C-alpha atoms as a PDB file:
ATOM      1  CA  MET A   1      -4.136  -8.700   5.944  1.00  0.00           C
ATOM      2  CA  THR A   2      -1.648  -6.147   4.654  1.00  0.00           C
ATOM      3  CA  GLU A   3       1.130  -7.629   6.768  1.00  0.00           C
ATOM      4  CA  ASN A   4       0.422 -11.101   5.390  1.00  0.00           C
ATOM      5  CA  ARG A   5       0.530  -9.789   1.816  1.00  0.00           C
ATOM      6  CA  LEU A   6       3.779  -7.918   2.525  1.00  0.00           C
ATOM      7  CA  LEU A   7       5.320 -11.025   4.048  1.00  0.00           C
ATOM      8  CA  ALA A   8       4.243 -13.183   1.099  1.00  0.00           C
ATOM      9  CA  THR A   9       5.618 -10.632  -1.375  1.00  0.00           C
ATOM     10  CA  GLY A  10       8.956 -10.561   0.416  1.00  0.00           C
ATOM     11  CA  ILE A  11       9.283 -14.326   0.617  1.00  0.00           C
ATOM     12  CA  ILE A  12       8.245 -14.973  -2.991  1.00  0.00           C
ATOM     13  CA  GLY A  13      10.440 -12.187  -4.354  1.00  0.00           C
ATOM     14  CA  PHE A  14      13.416 -13.401  -2.337  1.00  0.00           C
ATOM     15  CA  ALA A  15      12.921 -16.979  -3.535  1.00  0.00           C
ATOM     16  CA  VAL A  16      12.680 -15.940  -7.186  1.00  0.00           C
ATOM     17  CA  SER A  17      15.779 -13.744  -7.005  1.00  0.00           C
ATOM     18  CA  MET A  18      17.637 -16.476  -5.125  1.00  0.00           C
ATOM     19  CA  LEU A  19      16.801 -18.968  -7.872  1.00  0.00           C
ATOM     20  CA  GLY A  20      18.261 -16.562 -10.396  1.00  0.00           C
ATOM     21  CA  CYS A  21      21.452 -16.056  -8.399  1.00  0.00           C
ATOM     22  CA  VAL A  22      22.177 -19.446  -6.922  1.00  0.00           C
ATOM     23  CA  THR A  23      20.964 -21.828  -9.589  1.00  0.00           C
ATOM     24  CA  PRO A  24      21.474 -21.588 -13.310  1.00  0.00           C
ATOM     25  CA  ALA A  25      17.698 -21.739 -13.875  1.00  0.00           C
ATOM     26  CA  LEU A  26      17.541 -18.212 -15.242  1.00  0.00           C
ATOM     27  CA  VAL A  27      20.485 -18.833 -17.561  1.00  0.00           C
ATOM     28  CA  VAL A  28      18.913 -22.029 -18.891  1.00  0.00           C
ATOM     29  CA  LEU A  29      15.560 -20.319 -19.412  1.00  0.00           C
ATOM     30  CA  LEU A  30      17.100 -17.396 -21.270  1.00  0.00           C
ATOM     31  CA  ALA A  31      19.294 -19.725 -23.316  1.00  0.00           C
ATOM     32  CA  ALA A  32      16.191 -21.625 -24.377  1.00  0.00           C
ATOM     33  CA  LEU A  33      14.672 -18.317 -25.472  1.00  0.00           C
ATOM     34  CA  GLY A  34      17.861 -17.389 -27.340  1.00  0.00           C
ATOM     35  CA  VAL A  35      18.747 -14.334 -25.301  1.00  0.00           C
ATOM     36  CA  SER A  36      21.446 -15.716 -23.020  1.00  0.00           C
ATOM     37  CA  GLY A  37      23.881 -13.081 -24.263  1.00  0.00           C
ATOM     38  CA  SER A  38      22.100 -10.534 -22.101  1.00  0.00           C
ATOM     39  CA  MET A  39      23.063 -12.280 -18.854  1.00  0.00           C
ATOM     40  CA  GLY A  40      25.831  -9.786 -18.079  1.00  0.00           C
ATOM     41  CA  TRP A  41      23.328  -7.568 -16.266  1.00  0.00           C
ATOM     42  CA  ALA A  42      21.859 -10.332 -14.102  1.00  0.00           C
ATOM     43  CA  ASP A  43      24.172  -9.850 -11.113  1.00  0.00           C
ATOM     44  CA  TYR A  44      23.505  -6.121 -11.089  1.00  0.00           C
ATOM     45  CA  ILE A  45      19.763  -6.727 -10.835  1.00  0.00           C
ATOM     46  CA  LEU A  46      19.364  -9.966  -8.874  1.00  0.00           C
ATOM     47  CA  MET A  47      21.679  -9.319  -5.926  1.00  0.00           C
ATOM     48  CA  PRO A  48      20.176  -5.927  -4.975  1.00  0.00           C
ATOM     49  CA  GLY A  49      16.724  -7.393  -5.624  1.00  0.00           C
ATOM     50  CA  MET A  50      17.436 -10.199  -3.185  1.00  0.00           C
ATOM     51  CA  ALA A  51      18.572  -7.658  -0.584  1.00  0.00           C
ATOM     52  CA  VAL A  52      15.434  -5.547  -1.077  1.00  0.00           C
ATOM     53  CA  PHE A  53      13.098  -8.531  -0.770  1.00  0.00           C
ATOM     54  CA  ALA A  54      14.960  -9.745   2.325  1.00  0.00           C
ATOM     55  CA  ALA A  55      14.446  -6.281   3.833  1.00  0.00           C
ATOM     56  CA  VAL A  56      10.731  -6.371   2.945  1.00  0.00           C
ATOM     57  CA  THR A  57      10.428  -9.770   4.629  1.00  0.00           C
ATOM     58  CA  GLY A  58      12.231  -8.504   7.711  1.00  0.00           C
ATOM     59  CA  TYR A  59      10.003  -5.428   7.881  1.00  0.00           C
ATOM     60  CA  ALA A  60       6.854  -7.549   7.607  1.00  0.00           C
ATOM     61  CA  ILE A  61       8.042  -9.809  10.433  1.00  0.00           C
ATOM     62  CA  PHE A  62       8.959  -6.756  12.521  1.00  0.00           C
ATOM     63  CA  CYS A  63       5.486  -5.275  12.003  1.00  0.00           C
ATOM     64  CA  ARG A  64       3.872  -8.563  12.945  1.00  0.00           C
ATOM     65  CA  PHE A  65       5.683  -8.725  16.309  1.00  0.00           C
ATOM     66  CA  ARG A  66       5.304  -5.000  17.027  1.00  0.00           C
ATOM     67  CA  ARG A  67       1.506  -5.120  16.766  1.00  0.00           C
ATOM     68  CA  PRO A  68      -0.105  -4.848  20.217  1.00  0.00           C
ATOM     69  CA  ALA A  69      -2.214  -7.723  21.472  1.00  0.00           C
ATOM     70  CA  LYS A  70      -5.967  -7.314  21.054  1.00  0.00           C
ATOM     71  CA  ALA A  71      -7.993  -6.845  24.225  1.00  0.00           C
ATOM     72  CA  ASP A  72     -10.833  -9.301  24.701  1.00  0.00           C
END
């Protein structure tokens, strides 16, 4: 169960940070809120976040394949 939760966290976090980096969805949302002037920090947060969540996803997949098969 923990591996499934770790994998889901990695995939969801990666997708959210990718949406912020690749698409202007975050810029549009913050512009609607009136705080688009604070977007200068977005690249410093989103790119490392995407790398961290990709690493979490990779670790979860690694743990899933490393687990020994259950004996019947």
